[in-house]
Amino acid sequence: MVLLVALVNFIVQTLEGNVISPQVVGRTLHMHPMLIIFALLVGGEIYGVVGLILAVPVFAVLKVVVHHVSVFYRERKT
């Protein structure tokens, strides 16, 4: 019985961490879940635990900055 509870807990935690959470964050920040997972992988690989914590907010800020810069240059050309 204990093994069954541990197995169910493992499956639920894995699904929540790898599937559900990126989708919720992606919808909130208007980013594809794979980009969020990629940002977490890169942040964790480069900066460890701190990178995992800061990866998604930094990625969201970079996305907004790139969007504003591209809009600025498109409007400047016309």
N, C-alpha and C. Protein backbone atom coordinates (compact mmCIF):
# COMPACT_ATOMS: atom_id res chain seq x y z
N MET A 1 0.82 -1.19 0.00
CA MET A 1 0.00 0.00 0.00
C MET A 1 0.87 1.26 0.00
N VAL A 2 1.95 1.24 0.76
CA VAL A 2 2.84 2.39 0.82
C VAL A 2 3.49 2.62 -0.54
N LEU A 3 3.86 1.55 -1.22
CA LEU A 3 4.46 1.69 -2.55
C LEU A 3 3.47 2.28 -3.55
N LEU A 4 2.21 1.90 -3.45
CA LEU A 4 1.20 2.45 -4.34
C LEU A 4 1.03 3.95 -4.11
N VAL A 5 0.98 4.37 -2.87
CA VAL A 5 0.87 5.80 -2.55
C VAL A 5 2.10 6.55 -3.04
N ALA A 6 3.27 5.99 -2.85
CA ALA A 6 4.50 6.63 -3.32
C ALA A 6 4.51 6.73 -4.84
N LEU A 7 4.06 5.70 -5.53
CA LEU A 7 4.02 5.71 -6.98
C LEU A 7 3.03 6.75 -7.51
N VAL A 8 1.84 6.80 -6.92
CA VAL A 8 0.84 7.80 -7.34
C VAL A 8 1.36 9.20 -7.07
N ASN A 9 1.98 9.42 -5.93
CA ASN A 9 2.55 10.73 -5.60
C ASN A 9 3.63 11.11 -6.61
N PHE A 10 4.48 10.18 -6.96
CA PHE A 10 5.53 10.45 -7.95
C PHE A 10 4.94 10.82 -9.30
N ILE A 11 3.93 10.09 -9.74
CA ILE A 11 3.31 10.37 -11.04
C ILE A 11 2.64 11.74 -11.05
N VAL A 12 1.90 12.05 -9.99
CA VAL A 12 1.21 13.33 -9.92
C VAL A 12 2.21 14.48 -9.88
N GLN A 13 3.26 14.36 -9.10
CA GLN A 13 4.26 15.42 -9.01
C GLN A 13 4.98 15.61 -10.35
N THR A 14 5.27 14.52 -11.02
CA THR A 14 5.94 14.61 -12.32
C THR A 14 5.05 15.30 -13.35
N LEU A 15 3.79 14.92 -13.41
CA LEU A 15 2.87 15.56 -14.34
C LEU A 15 2.68 17.04 -14.02
N GLU A 16 2.54 17.36 -12.76
CA GLU A 16 2.34 18.75 -12.37
C GLU A 16 3.56 19.60 -12.71
N GLY A 17 4.74 19.09 -12.44
CA GLY A 17 5.95 19.86 -12.68
C GLY A 17 6.35 19.97 -14.13
N ASN A 18 6.07 18.94 -14.92
CA ASN A 18 6.54 18.92 -16.31
C ASN A 18 5.48 19.24 -17.35
N VAL A 19 4.20 19.15 -17.00
CA VAL A 19 3.15 19.37 -17.99
C VAL A 19 2.23 20.52 -17.58
N ILE A 20 1.64 20.42 -16.42
CA ILE A 20 0.61 21.38 -16.01
C ILE A 20 1.21 22.75 -15.71
N SER A 21 2.25 22.79 -14.92
CA SER A 21 2.84 24.08 -14.54
C SER A 21 3.35 24.88 -15.74
N PRO A 22 4.10 24.30 -16.68
CA PRO A 22 4.51 25.09 -17.85
C PRO A 22 3.33 25.61 -18.68
N GLN A 23 2.25 24.84 -18.76
CA GLN A 23 1.09 25.31 -19.51
C GLN A 23 0.43 26.50 -18.83
N VAL A 24 0.30 26.44 -17.51
CA VAL A 24 -0.32 27.55 -16.78
C VAL A 24 0.54 28.80 -16.89
N VAL A 25 1.83 28.65 -16.68
CA VAL A 25 2.73 29.80 -16.78
C VAL A 25 2.76 30.32 -18.21
N GLY A 26 2.75 29.43 -19.18
CA GLY A 26 2.75 29.84 -20.58
C GLY A 26 1.52 30.64 -20.96
N ARG A 27 0.37 30.23 -20.49
CA ARG A 27 -0.85 30.98 -20.79
C ARG A 27 -0.84 32.33 -20.09
N THR A 28 -0.30 32.38 -18.89
CA THR A 28 -0.25 33.65 -18.16
C THR A 28 0.70 34.62 -18.82
N LEU A 29 1.86 34.15 -19.24
CA LEU A 29 2.88 35.01 -19.84
C LEU A 29 2.82 35.05 -21.36
N HIS A 30 1.87 34.35 -21.96
CA HIS A 30 1.71 34.27 -23.42
C HIS A 30 2.98 33.72 -24.07
N MET A 31 3.49 32.62 -23.51
CA MET A 31 4.66 31.94 -24.05
C MET A 31 4.32 30.45 -24.23
N HIS A 32 4.93 29.85 -25.20
CA HIS A 32 4.74 28.42 -25.44
C HIS A 32 5.38 27.64 -24.29
N PRO A 33 4.71 26.58 -23.80
CA PRO A 33 5.28 25.80 -22.69
C PRO A 33 6.67 25.23 -22.97
N MET A 34 6.97 24.90 -24.23
CA MET A 34 8.30 24.39 -24.54
C MET A 34 9.37 25.46 -24.35
N LEU A 35 9.03 26.72 -24.60
CA LEU A 35 9.99 27.80 -24.35
C LEU A 35 10.26 27.95 -22.86
N ILE A 36 9.25 27.75 -22.05
CA ILE A 36 9.43 27.83 -20.60
C ILE A 36 10.32 26.68 -20.12
N ILE A 37 10.06 25.48 -20.62
CA ILE A 37 10.90 24.34 -20.24
C ILE A 37 12.33 24.57 -20.71
N PHE A 38 12.50 25.11 -21.93
CA PHE A 38 13.84 25.41 -22.44
C PHE A 38 14.53 26.45 -21.56
N ALA A 39 13.80 27.50 -21.17
CA ALA A 39 14.39 28.53 -20.30
C ALA A 39 14.81 27.93 -18.96
N LEU A 40 14.00 27.04 -18.42
CA LEU A 40 14.36 26.38 -17.16
C LEU A 40 15.60 25.50 -17.32
N LEU A 41 15.68 24.77 -18.43
CA LEU A 41 16.85 23.93 -18.66
C LEU A 41 18.12 24.76 -18.80
N VAL A 42 18.04 25.83 -19.58
CA VAL A 42 19.22 26.68 -19.77
C VAL A 42 19.60 27.38 -18.48
N GLY A 43 18.62 27.95 -17.79
CA GLY A 43 18.90 28.64 -16.54
C GLY A 43 19.48 27.71 -15.49
N GLY A 44 18.94 26.51 -15.40
CA GLY A 44 19.46 25.54 -14.43
C GLY A 44 20.85 25.05 -14.79
N GLU A 45 21.11 24.89 -16.07
CA GLU A 45 22.43 24.41 -16.50
C GLU A 45 23.50 25.47 -16.26
N ILE A 46 23.17 26.72 -16.51
CA ILE A 46 24.18 27.77 -16.40
C ILE A 46 24.35 28.25 -14.96
N TYR A 47 23.23 28.50 -14.25
CA TYR A 47 23.31 29.13 -12.93
C TYR A 47 22.80 28.25 -11.79
N GLY A 48 22.45 27.02 -12.06
CA GLY A 48 22.01 26.12 -11.00
C GLY A 48 20.62 26.47 -10.47
N VAL A 49 20.46 26.37 -9.16
CA VAL A 49 19.16 26.60 -8.53
C VAL A 49 18.69 28.03 -8.73
N VAL A 50 19.60 28.98 -8.61
CA VAL A 50 19.25 30.39 -8.82
C VAL A 50 18.78 30.59 -10.26
N GLY A 51 19.41 29.93 -11.20
CA GLY A 51 18.99 30.01 -12.59
C GLY A 51 17.60 29.44 -12.81
N LEU A 52 17.27 28.37 -12.10
CA LEU A 52 15.93 27.81 -12.20
C LEU A 52 14.88 28.78 -11.67
N ILE A 53 15.22 29.48 -10.61
CA ILE A 53 14.27 30.42 -10.02
C ILE A 53 14.08 31.64 -10.92
N LEU A 54 15.15 32.12 -11.51
CA LEU A 54 15.10 33.37 -12.28
C LEU A 54 14.89 33.18 -13.78
N ALA A 55 14.92 31.96 -14.27
CA ALA A 55 14.88 31.72 -15.72
C ALA A 55 13.61 32.25 -16.37
N VAL A 56 12.46 31.92 -15.84
CA VAL A 56 11.21 32.32 -16.49
C VAL A 56 10.98 33.83 -16.39
N PRO A 57 11.19 34.47 -15.23
CA PRO A 57 11.03 35.94 -15.21
C PRO A 57 12.00 36.67 -16.13
N VAL A 58 13.24 36.23 -16.19
CA VAL A 58 14.22 36.87 -17.07
C VAL A 58 13.82 36.66 -18.53
N PHE A 59 13.36 35.46 -18.86
CA PHE A 59 12.92 35.19 -20.23
C PHE A 59 11.72 36.05 -20.60
N ALA A 60 10.79 36.22 -19.67
CA ALA A 60 9.61 37.06 -19.94
C ALA A 60 10.02 38.51 -20.16
N VAL A 61 10.95 39.01 -19.36
CA VAL A 61 11.42 40.38 -19.52
C VAL A 61 12.12 40.54 -20.87
N LEU A 62 12.97 39.58 -21.23
CA LEU A 62 13.65 39.64 -22.53
C LEU A 62 12.65 39.61 -23.68
N LYS A 63 11.60 38.82 -23.55
CA LYS A 63 10.58 38.76 -24.59
C LYS A 63 9.91 40.11 -24.77
N VAL A 64 9.57 40.77 -23.67
CA VAL A 64 8.92 42.09 -23.75
C VAL A 64 9.86 43.12 -24.33
N VAL A 65 11.13 43.11 -23.92
CA VAL A 65 12.11 44.07 -24.43
C VAL A 65 12.30 43.89 -25.93
N VAL A 66 12.45 42.65 -26.38
CA VAL A 66 12.63 42.39 -27.81
C VAL A 66 11.40 42.84 -28.59
N HIS A 67 10.23 42.60 -28.05
CA HIS A 67 9.00 43.02 -28.72
C HIS A 67 8.95 44.55 -28.86
N HIS A 68 9.24 45.26 -27.77
CA HIS A 68 9.19 46.72 -27.82
C HIS A 68 10.26 47.30 -28.75
N VAL A 69 11.44 46.72 -28.76
CA VAL A 69 12.50 47.20 -29.65
C VAL A 69 12.11 46.95 -31.10
N SER A 70 11.56 45.79 -31.40
CA SER A 70 11.16 45.51 -32.79
C SER A 70 10.03 46.43 -33.24
N VAL A 71 9.08 46.72 -32.37
CA VAL A 71 8.00 47.66 -32.71
C VAL A 71 8.57 49.05 -32.93
N PHE A 72 9.50 49.46 -32.08
CA PHE A 72 10.12 50.78 -32.21
C PHE A 72 10.82 50.92 -33.56
N TYR A 73 11.60 49.93 -33.96
CA TYR A 73 12.32 50.01 -35.23
C TYR A 73 11.40 49.91 -36.44
N ARG A 74 10.32 49.13 -36.33
CA ARG A 74 9.35 49.07 -37.43
C ARG A 74 8.64 50.41 -37.61
N GLU A 75 8.27 51.06 -36.51
CA GLU A 75 7.61 52.36 -36.60
C GLU A 75 8.58 53.44 -37.06
N ARG A 76 9.83 53.29 -36.72
CA ARG A 76 10.84 54.28 -37.10
C ARG A 76 11.09 54.27 -38.60
N LYS A 77 11.00 53.10 -39.23
CA LYS A 77 11.25 52.98 -40.67
C LYS A 77 10.12 53.61 -41.49
N THR A 78 8.93 53.65 -40.95
CA THR A 78 7.80 54.20 -41.72
C THR A 78 7.56 55.65 -41.47
